[in-house]
Amino acid sequence: SFGKTHFGGIIMHGMNNFGLISRMITDWAYPAGAVHRRLETRWVKPVKPGDSIHVQLTCKEKTPRTPEQGEVRWDVQVFDQDEVVVASYELLTMVRAA
């Protein structure tokens, strides 16, 4: 019947999660002189009403492109309140040279 899922109830749509994480990254990156270029997504576990999520970014690779800017590749992990990974992303940012 309508509304039944194999997740056992209501979940947060993956694109909603993606939108929240993307906005958080943009709010952090832009003032730091970076531009959010690409975010590749992998949803691991559903997020349900009442869950709390938090994000951890780890720098994976830095690549100079010009004397003025370079690319930084990040691993992004999204955890729930039980420290279980619910989503993972690979983020690419363009940054100004320091």
C-alpha atoms as a PDB file:
ATOM      1  CA  SER A   1       0.000   0.000   0.000  1.00  0.00           C
ATOM      2  CA  PHE A   2       0.970   3.654  -0.374  1.00  0.00           C
ATOM      3  CA  GLY A   3       3.616   4.872   2.070  1.00  0.00           C
ATOM      4  CA  LYS A   4       5.015   1.460   2.975  1.00  0.00           C
ATOM      5  CA  THR A   5       8.779   1.134   2.620  1.00  0.00           C
ATOM      6  CA  HIS A   6      11.359  -1.513   3.386  1.00  0.00           C
ATOM      7  CA  PHE A   7      12.998   1.028   5.776  1.00  0.00           C
ATOM      8  CA  GLY A   8      10.408   0.396   8.484  1.00  0.00           C
ATOM      9  CA  GLY A   9       8.931   3.894   8.496  1.00  0.00           C
ATOM     10  CA  ILE A  10       9.539   7.463   7.427  1.00  0.00           C
ATOM     11  CA  ILE A  11      13.056   8.416   6.308  1.00  0.00           C
ATOM     12  CA  MET A  12      14.772  11.597   5.149  1.00  0.00           C
ATOM     13  CA  HIS A  13      15.031  11.615   1.364  1.00  0.00           C
ATOM     14  CA  GLY A  14      18.655  11.245   0.286  1.00  0.00           C
ATOM     15  CA  MET A  15      18.518  14.439  -1.773  1.00  0.00           C
ATOM     16  CA  ASN A  16      17.377  16.361   1.327  1.00  0.00           C
ATOM     17  CA  ASN A  17      20.451  15.055   3.147  1.00  0.00           C
ATOM     18  CA  PHE A  18      22.559  15.979   0.100  1.00  0.00           C
ATOM     19  CA  GLY A  19      21.106  19.499   0.054  1.00  0.00           C
ATOM     20  CA  LEU A  20      21.822  20.092   3.737  1.00  0.00           C
ATOM     21  CA  ILE A  21      25.399  18.827   3.462  1.00  0.00           C
ATOM     22  CA  SER A  22      25.991  20.757   0.231  1.00  0.00           C
ATOM     23  CA  ARG A  23      24.746  23.996   1.850  1.00  0.00           C
ATOM     24  CA  MET A  24      26.905  23.434   4.935  1.00  0.00           C
ATOM     25  CA  ILE A  25      29.976  22.908   2.737  1.00  0.00           C
ATOM     26  CA  THR A  26      29.228  26.008   0.647  1.00  0.00           C
ATOM     27  CA  ASP A  27      28.706  28.119   3.793  1.00  0.00           C
ATOM     28  CA  TRP A  28      32.114  26.941   5.045  1.00  0.00           C
ATOM     29  CA  ALA A  29      34.044  26.979   1.754  1.00  0.00           C
ATOM     30  CA  TYR A  30      33.066  30.321   0.232  1.00  0.00           C
ATOM     31  CA  PRO A  31      34.216  32.564   3.131  1.00  0.00           C
ATOM     32  CA  ALA A  32      37.445  30.514   3.270  1.00  0.00           C
ATOM     33  CA  GLY A  33      38.172  31.396  -0.371  1.00  0.00           C
ATOM     34  CA  ALA A  34      37.074  28.094  -1.870  1.00  0.00           C
ATOM     35  CA  VAL A  35      34.405  27.167  -4.391  1.00  0.00           C
ATOM     36  CA  HIS A  36      32.442  23.936  -4.069  1.00  0.00           C
ATOM     37  CA  ARG A  37      32.835  22.222  -7.458  1.00  0.00           C
ATOM     38  CA  ARG A  38      31.608  18.637  -7.192  1.00  0.00           C
ATOM     39  CA  LEU A  39      30.126  16.341  -4.574  1.00  0.00           C
ATOM     40  CA  GLU A  40      29.830  12.610  -5.312  1.00  0.00           C
ATOM     41  CA  THR A  41      27.380  10.890  -3.014  1.00  0.00           C
ATOM     42  CA  ARG A  42      26.893   7.456  -1.476  1.00  0.00           C
ATOM     43  CA  TRP A  43      23.957   6.976   0.894  1.00  0.00           C
ATOM     44  CA  VAL A  44      24.773   4.215   3.344  1.00  0.00           C
ATOM     45  CA  LYS A  45      21.931   4.135   5.892  1.00  0.00           C
ATOM     46  CA  PRO A  46      18.562   5.895   6.117  1.00  0.00           C
ATOM     47  CA  VAL A  47      18.169   8.943   8.355  1.00  0.00           C
ATOM     48  CA  LYS A  48      14.897   8.896  10.301  1.00  0.00           C
ATOM     49  CA  PRO A  49      12.900  11.613  12.099  1.00  0.00           C
ATOM     50  CA  GLY A  50      14.606  12.482  15.380  1.00  0.00           C
ATOM     51  CA  ASP A  51      18.081  11.479  14.181  1.00  0.00           C
ATOM     52  CA  SER A  52      20.903  13.993  14.547  1.00  0.00           C
ATOM     53  CA  ILE A  53      23.601  14.099  11.903  1.00  0.00           C
ATOM     54  CA  HIS A  54      27.056  15.651  11.905  1.00  0.00           C
ATOM     55  CA  VAL A  55      29.797  15.880   9.315  1.00  0.00           C
ATOM     56  CA  GLN A  56      33.531  15.202   9.268  1.00  0.00           C
ATOM     57  CA  LEU A  57      35.756  16.448   6.425  1.00  0.00           C
ATOM     58  CA  THR A  58      39.216  14.987   5.838  1.00  0.00           C
ATOM     59  CA  CYS A  59      41.613  16.455   3.282  1.00  0.00           C
ATOM     60  CA  LYS A  60      42.474  13.712   0.816  1.00  0.00           C
ATOM     61  CA  GLU A  61      44.564  15.443  -1.864  1.00  0.00           C
ATOM     62  CA  LYS A  62      45.827  18.927  -2.824  1.00  0.00           C
ATOM     63  CA  THR A  63      46.658  19.650  -6.470  1.00  0.00           C
ATOM     64  CA  PRO A  64      48.005  23.019  -7.698  1.00  0.00           C
ATOM     65  CA  ARG A  65      46.360  24.049 -10.993  1.00  0.00           C
ATOM     66  CA  THR A  66      47.720  27.578 -11.516  1.00  0.00           C
ATOM     67  CA  PRO A  67      49.873  29.881  -9.361  1.00  0.00           C
ATOM     68  CA  GLU A  68      46.616  31.466  -8.144  1.00  0.00           C
ATOM     69  CA  GLN A  69      44.494  28.405  -7.396  1.00  0.00           C
ATOM     70  CA  GLY A  70      44.384  24.685  -6.831  1.00  0.00           C
ATOM     71  CA  GLU A  71      42.029  21.793  -6.214  1.00  0.00           C
ATOM     72  CA  VAL A  72      41.450  20.162  -2.872  1.00  0.00           C
ATOM     73  CA  ARG A  73      39.737  16.756  -2.713  1.00  0.00           C
ATOM     74  CA  TRP A  74      37.991  15.851   0.548  1.00  0.00           C
ATOM     75  CA  ASP A  75      36.469  12.754   2.087  1.00  0.00           C
ATOM     76  CA  VAL A  76      33.185  13.718   3.734  1.00  0.00           C
ATOM     77  CA  GLN A  77      31.545  11.380   6.249  1.00  0.00           C
ATOM     78  CA  VAL A  78      28.074  11.998   7.685  1.00  0.00           C
ATOM     79  CA  PHE A  79      27.377  10.319  11.035  1.00  0.00           C
ATOM     80  CA  ASP A  80      24.201   9.864  13.037  1.00  0.00           C
ATOM     81  CA  GLN A  81      23.898  10.306  16.806  1.00  0.00           C
ATOM     82  CA  ASP A  82      25.251   6.767  17.321  1.00  0.00           C
ATOM     83  CA  GLU A  83      28.411   7.555  15.276  1.00  0.00           C
ATOM     84  CA  VAL A  84      27.178   5.307  12.448  1.00  0.00           C
ATOM     85  CA  VAL A  85      28.026   6.497   8.919  1.00  0.00           C
ATOM     86  CA  VAL A  86      24.783   7.348   7.098  1.00  0.00           C
ATOM     87  CA  ALA A  87      26.354   8.931   3.992  1.00  0.00           C
ATOM     88  CA  SER A  88      29.754   9.459   2.453  1.00  0.00           C
ATOM     89  CA  TYR A  89      30.829  11.945  -0.165  1.00  0.00           C
ATOM     90  CA  GLU A  90      33.866  12.927  -2.158  1.00  0.00           C
ATOM     91  CA  LEU A  91      34.071  16.696  -2.389  1.00  0.00           C
ATOM     92  CA  LEU A  92      36.140  18.704  -4.843  1.00  0.00           C
ATOM     93  CA  THR A  93      36.825  22.385  -4.103  1.00  0.00           C
ATOM     94  CA  MET A  94      38.812  25.027  -5.955  1.00  0.00           C
ATOM     95  CA  VAL A  95      40.840  27.206  -3.580  1.00  0.00           C
ATOM     96  CA  ARG A  96      42.883  30.385  -3.912  1.00  0.00           C
ATOM     97  CA  ALA A  97      46.588  30.066  -3.267  1.00  0.00           C
ATOM     98  CA  ALA A  98      47.609  31.198   0.200  1.00  0.00           C
END
